[in-house]
PDB file of N, CA and C in Angstrom:
ATOM      1  N   UNK A   1      18.664  14.523 -15.558  1.00  0.00           N
ATOM      2  CA  UNK A   1      17.594  14.632 -14.297  1.00  0.00           C
ATOM      3  C   UNK A   1      17.980  13.392 -13.681  1.00  0.00           C
ATOM      4  N   UNK A   2      18.097  13.048 -12.385  1.00  0.00           N
ATOM      5  CA  UNK A   2      18.742  12.222 -11.113  1.00  0.00           C
ATOM      6  C   UNK A   2      17.451  11.695 -10.525  1.00  0.00           C
ATOM      7  N   UNK A   3      17.230  10.636 -11.056  1.00  0.00           N
ATOM      8  CA  UNK A   3      16.196   9.581 -10.385  1.00  0.00           C
ATOM      9  C   UNK A   3      16.884   9.607  -8.704  1.00  0.00           C
ATOM     10  N   UNK A   4      15.439   9.382  -7.655  1.00  0.00           N
ATOM     11  CA  UNK A   4      15.449   9.594  -6.241  1.00  0.00           C
ATOM     12  C   UNK A   4      14.896   8.700  -5.796  1.00  0.00           C
ATOM     13  N   UNK A   5      14.500   7.941  -6.285  1.00  0.00           N
ATOM     14  CA  UNK A   5      13.441   7.049  -5.781  1.00  0.00           C
ATOM     15  C   UNK A   5      11.970   7.011  -6.125  1.00  0.00           C
ATOM     16  N   UNK A   6      11.664   8.332  -6.494  1.00  0.00           N
ATOM     17  CA  UNK A   6      10.292   9.021  -6.812  1.00  0.00           C
ATOM     18  C   UNK A   6       9.512   8.368  -7.607  1.00  0.00           C
ATOM     19  N   UNK A   7       8.666   7.846  -7.621  1.00  0.00           N
ATOM     20  CA  UNK A   7       7.021   7.504  -8.858  1.00  0.00           C
ATOM     21  C   UNK A   7       6.556   8.779  -9.067  1.00  0.00           C
ATOM     22  N   UNK A   8       5.614   8.336 -10.238  1.00  0.00           N
ATOM     23  CA  UNK A   8       4.722   9.451 -11.279  1.00  0.00           C
ATOM     24  C   UNK A   8       3.663   8.416 -11.930  1.00  0.00           C
ATOM     25  N   UNK A   9       2.445   9.075 -11.488  1.00  0.00           N
ATOM     26  CA  UNK A   9       1.695   8.391 -12.621  1.00  0.00           C
ATOM     27  C   UNK A   9       0.932   9.335 -12.938  1.00  0.00           C
ATOM     28  N   UNK A  10       0.456   9.481 -14.260  1.00  0.00           N
ATOM     29  CA  UNK A  10      -0.651  10.576 -14.693  1.00  0.00           C
ATOM     30  C   UNK A  10      -2.019  10.340 -14.585  1.00  0.00           C
ATOM     31  N   UNK A  11      -2.926  10.640 -14.305  1.00  0.00           N
ATOM     32  CA  UNK A  11      -4.209   9.879 -14.149  1.00  0.00           C
ATOM     33  C   UNK A  11      -4.949  10.450 -15.431  1.00  0.00           C
ATOM     34  N   UNK A  12      -4.777  11.568 -15.951  1.00  0.00           N
ATOM     35  CA  UNK A  12      -5.245  11.782 -17.431  1.00  0.00           C
ATOM     36  C   UNK A  12      -6.419  13.373 -16.638  1.00  0.00           C
ATOM     37  N   UNK A  13      -7.210  13.440 -17.307  1.00  0.00           N
ATOM     38  CA  UNK A  13      -8.252  14.396 -16.530  1.00  0.00           C
ATOM     39  C   UNK A  13      -9.088  14.079 -15.192  1.00  0.00           C
ATOM     40  N   UNK A  14      -8.981  15.283 -15.094  1.00  0.00           N
ATOM     41  CA  UNK A  14      -9.301  15.346 -13.590  1.00  0.00           C
ATOM     42  C   UNK A  14     -11.008  14.690 -13.206  1.00  0.00           C
ATOM     43  N   UNK A  15     -11.438  14.855 -13.817  1.00  0.00           N
ATOM     44  CA  UNK A  15     -13.002  14.511 -13.996  1.00  0.00           C
ATOM     45  C   UNK A  15     -13.477  12.813 -14.116  1.00  0.00           C
ATOM     46  N   UNK A  16     -12.218  12.447 -14.592  1.00  0.00           N
ATOM     47  CA  UNK A  16     -12.436  10.502 -14.462  1.00  0.00           C
ATOM     48  C   UNK A  16     -11.359  10.079 -13.616  1.00  0.00           C
ATOM     49  N   UNK A  17     -11.074  10.729 -13.186  1.00  0.00           N
ATOM     50  CA  UNK A  17      -9.450  10.218 -12.058  1.00  0.00           C
ATOM     51  C   UNK A  17     -10.017  10.224 -10.802  1.00  0.00           C
ATOM     52  N   UNK A  18     -11.047  10.145 -10.008  1.00  0.00           N
ATOM     53  CA  UNK A  18     -11.916  10.123  -8.843  1.00  0.00           C
ATOM     54  C   UNK A  18     -11.738   8.280  -8.932  1.00  0.00           C
ATOM     55  N   UNK A  19     -12.162   7.187  -9.507  1.00  0.00           N
ATOM     56  CA  UNK A  19     -12.377   5.871  -9.067  1.00  0.00           C
ATOM     57  C   UNK A  19     -10.533   5.472  -8.514  1.00  0.00           C
ATOM     58  N   UNK A  20      -9.237   6.105  -9.970  1.00  0.00           N
ATOM     59  CA  UNK A  20      -7.717   5.994  -9.669  1.00  0.00           C
ATOM     60  C   UNK A  20      -7.793   6.735  -8.023  1.00  0.00           C
ATOM     61  N   UNK A  21      -8.083   7.766  -8.110  1.00  0.00           N
ATOM     62  CA  UNK A  21      -7.676   8.078  -6.741  1.00  0.00           C
ATOM     63  C   UNK A  21      -8.370   7.057  -5.565  1.00  0.00           C
ATOM     64  N   UNK A  22      -9.382   7.015  -5.596  1.00  0.00           N
ATOM     65  CA  UNK A  22     -10.666   6.456  -4.238  1.00  0.00           C
ATOM     66  C   UNK A  22      -9.411   5.120  -4.233  1.00  0.00           C
ATOM     67  N   UNK A  23      -9.118   3.916  -5.368  1.00  0.00           N
ATOM     68  CA  UNK A  23      -7.999   2.949  -4.735  1.00  0.00           C
ATOM     69  C   UNK A  23      -7.345   2.946  -4.486  1.00  0.00           C
ATOM     70  N   UNK A  24      -6.451   4.159  -5.049  1.00  0.00           N
ATOM     71  CA  UNK A  24      -4.924   4.748  -4.077  1.00  0.00           C
ATOM     72  C   UNK A  24      -4.971   4.318  -2.714  1.00  0.00           C
ATOM     73  N   UNK A  25      -6.192   5.834  -2.374  1.00  0.00           N
ATOM     74  CA  UNK A  25      -6.550   5.173  -1.079  1.00  0.00           C
ATOM     75  C   UNK A  25      -6.895   4.589  -0.280  1.00  0.00           C
ATOM     76  N   UNK A  26      -7.529   3.650  -1.169  1.00  0.00           N
ATOM     77  CA  UNK A  26      -8.168   2.061  -0.086  1.00  0.00           C
ATOM     78  C   UNK A  26      -6.351   1.185   0.054  1.00  0.00           C
ATOM     79  N   UNK A  27      -5.727   0.812  -1.260  1.00  0.00           N
ATOM     80  CA  UNK A  27      -4.718   0.364  -0.876  1.00  0.00           C
ATOM     81  C   UNK A  27      -3.864   0.721  -0.123  1.00  0.00           C
ATOM     82  N   UNK A  28      -3.452   2.023   0.142  1.00  0.00           N
ATOM     83  CA  UNK A  28      -2.935   3.139   0.746  1.00  0.00           C
ATOM     84  C   UNK A  28      -3.390   2.638   2.157  1.00  0.00           C
ATOM     85  N   UNK A  29      -4.464   2.444   2.269  1.00  0.00           N
ATOM     86  CA  UNK A  29      -4.706   2.340   3.906  1.00  0.00           C
ATOM     87  C   UNK A  29      -5.212   0.808   4.564  1.00  0.00           C
ATOM     88  N   UNK A  30      -5.005   0.030   3.402  1.00  0.00           N
ATOM     89  CA  UNK A  30      -5.044  -1.358   3.620  1.00  0.00           C
ATOM     90  C   UNK A  30      -3.564  -1.901   3.806  1.00  0.00           C
ATOM     91  N   UNK A  31      -2.590  -1.286   3.495  1.00  0.00           N
ATOM     92  CA  UNK A  31      -1.055  -1.637   3.263  1.00  0.00           C
ATOM     93  C   UNK A  31      -0.371  -0.800   4.187  1.00  0.00           C
ATOM     94  N   UNK A  32      -1.021   0.221   4.382  1.00  0.00           N
ATOM     95  CA  UNK A  32      -0.445   1.070   5.786  1.00  0.00           C
ATOM     96  C   UNK A  32      -0.066   0.398   7.047  1.00  0.00           C
ATOM     97  N   UNK A  33      -0.764  -0.437   7.188  1.00  0.00           N
ATOM     98  CA  UNK A  33      -0.981  -0.315   8.856  1.00  0.00           C
ATOM     99  C   UNK A  33      -0.339  -2.213   8.735  1.00  0.00           C
ATOM    100  N   UNK A  34      -0.471  -2.917   7.745  1.00  0.00           N
ATOM    101  CA  UNK A  34       0.099  -4.328   7.272  1.00  0.00           C
ATOM    102  C   UNK A  34       1.638  -3.934   6.962  1.00  0.00           C
ATOM    103  N   UNK A  35       2.169  -3.697   6.599  1.00  0.00           N
ATOM    104  CA  UNK A  35       3.412  -3.585   6.114  1.00  0.00           C
ATOM    105  C   UNK A  35       4.037  -2.552   6.799  1.00  0.00           C
ATOM    106  N   UNK A  36       5.702  -2.636   7.410  1.00  0.00           N
ATOM    107  CA  UNK A  36       6.321  -1.810   7.810  1.00  0.00           C
ATOM    108  C   UNK A  36       7.689  -1.683   7.166  1.00  0.00           C
ATOM    109  N   UNK A  37       7.921  -0.112   7.091  1.00  0.00           N
ATOM    110  CA  UNK A  37       9.484   0.010   5.928  1.00  0.00           C
ATOM    111  C   UNK A  37       9.479   1.593   6.594  1.00  0.00           C
ATOM    112  N   UNK A  38      10.894   1.425   6.052  1.00  0.00           N
ATOM    113  CA  UNK A  38      11.566   2.784   6.753  1.00  0.00           C
ATOM    114  C   UNK A  38      10.488   3.508   5.983  1.00  0.00           C
ATOM    115  N   UNK A  39      10.760   5.281   6.730  1.00  0.00           N
ATOM    116  CA  UNK A  39      10.194   6.235   6.461  1.00  0.00           C
ATOM    117  C   UNK A  39       8.945   6.284   6.209  1.00  0.00           C
ATOM    118  N   UNK A  40       8.246   7.242   6.103  1.00  0.00           N
ATOM    119  CA  UNK A  40       6.668   7.762   6.140  1.00  0.00           C
ATOM    120  C   UNK A  40       6.167   7.500   5.215  1.00  0.00           C
ATOM    121  N   UNK A  41       4.585   6.774   5.115  1.00  0.00           N
ATOM    122  CA  UNK A  41       3.954   6.506   3.665  1.00  0.00           C
ATOM    123  C   UNK A  41       2.915   7.412   3.306  1.00  0.00           C
ATOM    124  N   UNK A  42       2.683   7.695   2.155  1.00  0.00           N
ATOM    125  CA  UNK A  42       2.588   9.112   1.877  1.00  0.00           C
ATOM    126  C   UNK A  42       2.413   9.227   0.365  1.00  0.00           C
ATOM    127  N   UNK A  43       1.343   9.792  -0.229  1.00  0.00           N
ATOM    128  CA  UNK A  43       0.956  10.130  -1.966  1.00  0.00           C
ATOM    129  C   UNK A  43       0.722  11.516  -1.790  1.00  0.00           C
ATOM    130  N   UNK A  44       1.110  12.141  -3.478  1.00  0.00           N
ATOM    131  CA  UNK A  44       0.906  13.157  -3.304  1.00  0.00           C
ATOM    132  C   UNK A  44       0.124  13.700  -4.489  1.00  0.00           C
ATOM    133  N   UNK A  45      -0.143  14.372  -4.700  1.00  0.00           N
ATOM    134  CA  UNK A  45      -1.018  14.670  -5.615  1.00  0.00           C
ATOM    135  C   UNK A  45      -1.326  16.586  -6.398  1.00  0.00           C
ATOM    136  N   UNK A  46      -1.441  16.480  -7.656  1.00  0.00           N
ATOM    137  CA  UNK A  46      -1.184  17.761  -8.364  1.00  0.00           C
ATOM    138  C   UNK A  46      -1.806  18.208  -9.644  1.00  0.00           C
ATOM    139  N   UNK A  47      -3.200  18.860  -9.020  1.00  0.00           N
ATOM    140  CA  UNK A  47      -3.981  19.361 -10.315  1.00  0.00           C
ATOM    141  C   UNK A  47      -3.271  19.997 -11.189  1.00  0.00           C
ATOM    142  N   UNK A  48      -3.049  19.887 -12.809  1.00  0.00           N
ATOM    143  CA  UNK A  48      -2.200  20.649 -14.045  1.00  0.00           C
ATOM    144  C   UNK A  48      -3.157  21.375 -14.633  1.00  0.00           C
ATOM    145  N   UNK A  49      -3.909  22.191 -15.213  1.00  0.00           N
ATOM    146  CA  UNK A  49      -4.441  22.634 -15.923  1.00  0.00           C
ATOM    147  C   UNK A  49      -4.123  23.257 -17.215  1.00  0.00           C
ATOM    148  N   UNK A  50      -2.513  23.931 -17.232  1.00  0.00           N
ATOM    149  CA  UNK A  50      -1.702  24.138 -18.434  1.00  0.00           C
ATOM    150  C   UNK A  50      -2.369  24.786 -19.324  1.00  0.00           C
ATOM    151  N   UNK A  51      -3.717  25.837 -19.100  1.00  0.00           N
ATOM    152  CA  UNK A  51      -4.192  26.282 -19.829  1.00  0.00           C
ATOM    153  C   UNK A  51      -5.337  25.682 -20.869  1.00  0.00           C
ATOM    154  N   UNK A  52      -5.452  24.010 -20.175  1.00  0.00           N
ATOM    155  CA  UNK A  52      -6.370  23.755 -21.262  1.00  0.00           C
ATOM    156  C   UNK A  52      -7.646  23.714 -20.212  1.00  0.00           C
ATOM    157  N   UNK A  53      -8.703  22.919 -20.952  1.00  0.00           N
ATOM    158  CA  UNK A  53     -10.458  23.580 -20.260  1.00  0.00           C
ATOM    159  C   UNK A  53     -10.161  22.492 -19.079  1.00  0.00           C
ATOM    160  N   UNK A  54      -9.772  21.104 -19.567  1.00  0.00           N
ATOM    161  CA  UNK A  54      -9.724  20.286 -18.303  1.00  0.00           C
ATOM    162  C   UNK A  54      -8.870  20.197 -17.547  1.00  0.00           C
ATOM    163  N   UNK A  55      -8.567  19.967 -16.210  1.00  0.00           N
ATOM    164  CA  UNK A  55      -7.097  19.355 -15.757  1.00  0.00           C
ATOM    165  C   UNK A  55      -6.720  18.438 -15.294  1.00  0.00           C
ATOM    166  N   UNK A  56      -5.541  18.297 -15.806  1.00  0.00           N
ATOM    167  CA  UNK A  56      -5.274  16.549 -15.181  1.00  0.00           C
ATOM    168  C   UNK A  56      -4.881  16.195 -14.048  1.00  0.00           C
ATOM    169  N   UNK A  57      -4.772  14.950 -13.768  1.00  0.00           N
ATOM    170  CA  UNK A  57      -3.982  14.746 -12.267  1.00  0.00           C
ATOM    171  C   UNK A  57      -2.768  14.330 -11.936  1.00  0.00           C
ATOM    172  N   UNK A  58      -2.050  14.616 -11.521  1.00  0.00           N
ATOM    173  CA  UNK A  58      -0.341  13.522 -11.512  1.00  0.00           C
ATOM    174  C   UNK A  58      -0.854  13.108 -10.005  1.00  0.00           C
ATOM    175  N   UNK A  59       0.132  11.691  -9.973  1.00  0.00           N
ATOM    176  CA  UNK A  59       0.276  11.612  -8.523  1.00  0.00           C
ATOM    177  C   UNK A  59       1.637  11.012  -8.103  1.00  0.00           C
ATOM    178  N   UNK A  60       2.400  11.654  -7.079  1.00  0.00           N
ATOM    179  CA  UNK A  60       3.806  11.634  -6.890  1.00  0.00           C
ATOM    180  C   UNK A  60       3.654  10.902  -5.487  1.00  0.00           C
ATOM    181  N   UNK A  61       4.529   9.232  -5.770  1.00  0.00           N
ATOM    182  CA  UNK A  61       4.869   8.587  -4.757  1.00  0.00           C
ATOM    183  C   UNK A  61       6.191   8.504  -4.420  1.00  0.00           C
ATOM    184  N   UNK A  62       6.349   8.991  -2.700  1.00  0.00           N
ATOM    185  CA  UNK A  62       8.082   8.995  -2.439  1.00  0.00           C
ATOM    186  C   UNK A  62       8.567   7.590  -2.396  1.00  0.00           C
ATOM    187  N   UNK A  63       9.915   7.405  -2.046  1.00  0.00           N
ATOM    188  CA  UNK A  63      10.484   5.753  -1.879  1.00  0.00           C
ATOM    189  C   UNK A  63       9.374   5.345  -0.960  1.00  0.00           C
ATOM    190  N   UNK A  64       9.357   5.498  -0.062  1.00  0.00           N
ATOM    191  CA  UNK A  64       8.658   4.688   0.583  1.00  0.00           C
ATOM    192  C   UNK A  64       7.426   3.816   0.163  1.00  0.00           C
ATOM    193  N   UNK A  65       7.178   4.696  -0.854  1.00  0.00           N
ATOM    194  CA  UNK A  65       4.873   3.838  -1.546  1.00  0.00           C
ATOM    195  C   UNK A  65       5.859   3.477  -2.595  1.00  0.00           C
ATOM    196  N   UNK A  66       6.854   2.726  -2.644  1.00  0.00           N
ATOM    197  CA  UNK A  66       7.581   2.416  -4.534  1.00  0.00           C
ATOM    198  C   UNK A  66       6.883   0.888  -4.219  1.00  0.00           C
ATOM    199  N   UNK A  67       5.836   0.375  -3.508  1.00  0.00           N
ATOM    200  CA  UNK A  67       5.078  -0.887  -3.374  1.00  0.00           C
ATOM    201  C   UNK A  67       4.093  -0.480  -4.196  1.00  0.00           C
ATOM    202  N   UNK A  68       3.280   0.673  -3.458  1.00  0.00           N
ATOM    203  CA  UNK A  68       2.522   1.326  -4.209  1.00  0.00           C
ATOM    204  C   UNK A  68       2.114   1.951  -5.218  1.00  0.00           C
ATOM    205  N   UNK A  69       3.322   2.244  -5.957  1.00  0.00           N
ATOM    206  CA  UNK A  69       3.694   2.813  -6.858  1.00  0.00           C
ATOM    207  C   UNK A  69       3.650   1.613  -8.110  1.00  0.00           C
ATOM    208  N   UNK A  70       4.004   0.488  -7.966  1.00  0.00           N
ATOM    209  CA  UNK A  70       4.347  -0.221  -8.725  1.00  0.00           C
ATOM    210  C   UNK A  70       2.979  -0.682  -9.135  1.00  0.00           C
ATOM    211  N   UNK A  71       1.828  -1.167  -8.036  1.00  0.00           N
ATOM    212  CA  UNK A  71       0.709  -1.789  -8.016  1.00  0.00           C
ATOM    213  C   UNK A  71      -0.281  -0.494  -9.193  1.00  0.00           C
ATOM    214  N   UNK A  72      -0.153   0.707  -9.025  1.00  0.00           N
ATOM    215  CA  UNK A  72      -0.889   1.913  -9.944  1.00  0.00           C
ATOM    216  C   UNK A  72      -0.158   1.917 -11.466  1.00  0.00           C
ATOM    217  N   UNK A  73       1.160   1.302 -11.503  1.00  0.00           N
ATOM    218  CA  UNK A  73       1.621   1.132 -12.845  1.00  0.00           C
ATOM    219  C   UNK A  73       2.388   3.048 -12.987  1.00  0.00           C
ATOM    220  N   UNK A  74       3.141   2.800 -12.057  1.00  0.00           N
ATOM    221  CA  UNK A  74       3.800   4.621 -11.535  1.00  0.00           C
ATOM    222  C   UNK A  74       5.116   4.464 -12.423  1.00  0.00           C
ATOM    223  N   UNK A  75       5.564   5.183 -12.861  1.00  0.00           N
ATOM    224  CA  UNK A  75       7.115   4.891 -13.315  1.00  0.00           C
ATOM    225  C   UNK A  75       8.136   6.088 -12.448  1.00  0.00           C
ATOM    226  N   UNK A  76       9.434   6.106 -12.469  1.00  0.00           N
ATOM    227  CA  UNK A  76      10.344   5.716 -11.787  1.00  0.00           C
ATOM    228  C   UNK A  76      10.361   7.662 -12.479  1.00  0.00           C
ATOM    229  N   UNK A  77      11.034   8.673 -11.441  1.00  0.00           N
ATOM    230  CA  UNK A  77      10.592  10.175 -11.553  1.00  0.00           C
ATOM    231  C   UNK A  77      11.467  10.735 -10.719  1.00  0.00           C
ATOM    232  N   UNK A  78      12.752  11.928 -10.598  1.00  0.00           N
ATOM    233  CA  UNK A  78      12.795  12.907  -9.953  1.00  0.00           C
ATOM    234  C   UNK A  78      12.003  13.538  -8.849  1.00  0.00           C
ATOM    235  N   UNK A  79      12.868  13.557  -7.464  1.00  0.00           N
ATOM    236  CA  UNK A  79      11.310  14.342  -6.699  1.00  0.00           C
ATOM    237  C   UNK A  79      10.699  15.675  -7.284  1.00  0.00           C
ATOM    238  N   UNK A  80       9.608  15.454  -7.542  1.00  0.00           N
ATOM    239  CA  UNK A  80       8.910  16.765  -7.795  1.00  0.00           C
ATOM    240  C   UNK A  80       9.066  17.836  -6.771  1.00  0.00           C
ATOM    241  N   UNK A  81       8.765  19.338  -7.485  1.00  0.00           N
ATOM    242  CA  UNK A  81       8.623  20.580  -6.483  1.00  0.00           C
ATOM    243  C   UNK A  81       7.210  20.196  -5.879  1.00  0.00           C
ATOM    244  N   UNK A  82       8.149  20.712  -4.614  1.00  0.00           N
ATOM    245  CA  UNK A  82       6.249  21.008  -3.783  1.00  0.00           C
ATOM    246  C   UNK A  82       5.265  22.077  -4.121  1.00  0.00           C
ATOM    247  N   UNK A  83       5.730  22.662  -4.931  1.00  0.00           N
ATOM    248  CA  UNK A  83       4.676  23.504  -5.735  1.00  0.00           C
ATOM    249  C   UNK A  83       3.329  23.090  -6.057  1.00  0.00           C
ATOM    250  N   UNK A  84       2.062  23.396  -5.227  1.00  0.00           N
ATOM    251  CA  UNK A  84       1.117  22.813  -6.420  1.00  0.00           C
ATOM    252  C   UNK A  84       0.809  21.402  -5.680  1.00  0.00           C
ATOM    253  N   UNK A  85       1.363  21.094  -4.936  1.00  0.00           N
ATOM    254  CA  UNK A  85       1.123  19.607  -4.450  1.00  0.00           C
ATOM    255  C   UNK A  85       0.353  19.518  -3.043  1.00  0.00           C
ATOM    256  N   UNK A  86      -0.741  18.404  -3.548  1.00  0.00           N
ATOM    257  CA  UNK A  86      -1.438  18.234  -2.199  1.00  0.00           C
ATOM    258  C   UNK A  86      -1.305  16.928  -1.603  1.00  0.00           C
ATOM    259  N   UNK A  87      -1.504  16.939  -0.294  1.00  0.00           N
ATOM    260  CA  UNK A  87      -1.479  15.223   0.163  1.00  0.00           C
ATOM    261  C   UNK A  87      -2.636  14.943   0.241  1.00  0.00           C
ATOM    262  N   UNK A  88      -2.523  13.356  -0.430  1.00  0.00           N
ATOM    263  CA  UNK A  88      -3.672  12.552  -0.955  1.00  0.00           C
ATOM    264  C   UNK A  88      -4.026  11.869   0.501  1.00  0.00           C
ATOM    265  N   UNK A  89      -2.745  11.481   0.471  1.00  0.00           N
ATOM    266  CA  UNK A  89      -2.994  10.220   2.078  1.00  0.00           C
ATOM    267  C   UNK A  89      -2.066  10.561   2.645  1.00  0.00           C
ATOM    268  N   UNK A  90      -1.828  10.052   3.671  1.00  0.00           N
ATOM    269  CA  UNK A  90      -0.554  10.264   4.825  1.00  0.00           C
ATOM    270  C   UNK A  90      -0.814  10.953   6.001  1.00  0.00           C
ATOM    271  N   UNK A  91       0.537  11.027   6.898  1.00  0.00           N
ATOM    272  CA  UNK A  91       0.561  12.266   7.947  1.00  0.00           C
ATOM    273  C   UNK A  91       0.522  13.182   7.227  1.00  0.00           C
ATOM    274  N   UNK A  92       0.295  14.402   8.092  1.00  0.00           N
ATOM    275  CA  UNK A  92       0.689  15.645   7.497  1.00  0.00           C
ATOM    276  C   UNK A  92       2.349  15.894   8.100  1.00  0.00           C
ATOM    277  N   UNK A  93       2.913  15.025   9.117  1.00  0.00           N
ATOM    278  CA  UNK A  93       4.083  15.187   9.015  1.00  0.00           C
ATOM    279  C   UNK A  93       5.289  14.697   7.575  1.00  0.00           C
ATOM    280  N   UNK A  94       4.711  14.378   6.878  1.00  0.00           N
ATOM    281  CA  UNK A  94       5.041  13.537   5.407  1.00  0.00           C
ATOM    282  C   UNK A  94       5.658  15.204   4.917  1.00  0.00           C
ATOM    283  N   UNK A  95       4.879  16.500   4.784  1.00  0.00           N
ATOM    284  CA  UNK A  95       5.125  17.408   4.159  1.00  0.00           C
ATOM    285  C   UNK A  95       6.692  17.745   4.260  1.00  0.00           C
ATOM    286  N   UNK A  96       7.062  17.256   6.002  1.00  0.00           N
ATOM    287  CA  UNK A  96       8.516  18.278   6.311  1.00  0.00           C
ATOM    288  C   UNK A  96       9.468  16.770   6.182  1.00  0.00           C
ATOM    289  N   UNK A  97       9.198  16.266   6.323  1.00  0.00           N
ATOM    290  CA  UNK A  97      10.296  14.865   5.686  1.00  0.00           C
ATOM    291  C   UNK A  97      10.144  14.495   4.314  1.00  0.00           C
ATOM    292  N   UNK A  98       9.610  15.000   3.224  1.00  0.00           N
ATOM    293  CA  UNK A  98       9.969  14.622   1.959  1.00  0.00           C
ATOM    294  C   UNK A  98      10.661  16.212   1.571  1.00  0.00           C
ATOM    295  N   UNK A  99       9.601  17.189   2.302  1.00  0.00           N
ATOM    296  CA  UNK A  99       9.801  18.533   1.494  1.00  0.00           C
ATOM    297  C   UNK A  99      10.260  19.614   2.527  1.00  0.00           C
ATOM    298  N   UNK A 100      11.419  19.278   3.268  1.00  0.00           N
ATOM    299  CA  UNK A 100      11.979  20.160   4.297  1.00  0.00           C
ATOM    300  C   UNK A 100      12.244  21.858   4.077  1.00  0.00           C
ATOM    301  N   UNK A 101      12.372  22.065   2.935  1.00  0.00           N
ATOM    302  CA  UNK A 101      12.444  23.389   2.371  1.00  0.00           C
ATOM    303  C   UNK A 101      10.568  23.925   2.130  1.00  0.00           C
ATOM    304  N   UNK A 102      10.206  23.354   2.662  1.00  0.00           N
ATOM    305  CA  UNK A 102       8.536  23.907   2.110  1.00  0.00           C
ATOM    306  C   UNK A 102       8.420  24.718   3.337  1.00  0.00           C
ATOM    307  N   UNK A 103       7.650  26.154   2.822  1.00  0.00           N
ATOM    308  CA  UNK A 103       7.498  26.898   4.489  1.00  0.00           C
ATOM    309  C   UNK A 103       6.220  26.025   4.700  1.00  0.00           C
ATOM    310  N   UNK A 104       5.367  25.909   6.502  1.00  0.00           N
ATOM    311  CA  UNK A 104       4.613  25.800   6.386  1.00  0.00           C
ATOM    312  C   UNK A 104       3.412  27.376   5.852  1.00  0.00           C
ATOM    313  N   UNK A 105       2.019  26.554   5.644  1.00  0.00           N
ATOM    314  CA  UNK A 105       1.082  27.938   5.267  1.00  0.00           C
ATOM    315  C   UNK A 105       0.291  28.365   5.936  1.00  0.00           C
TER     316      UNK A 105
END
């Protein structure tokens, strides 16, 4: 699997992930205006059930969000599929920048 500068963090059980998601949002908001970087700053999230009683939350940080990913202990990964992803924080235009193959809903 080729690494492409993306980062991944498994937050575990969705019922317990709210605080971590709030922390990501707060840090995103505070760093978004103070740090200039190439590319759009965004963070994506996926809820995965895989047949379990409770789903788990996966967070994906694109390359421009590397510093934010590092702050949360995320590990490098390949670009995720856009399937079942949601935009956690960032502008709607992040979809077309990071997933140009995704069709608008």
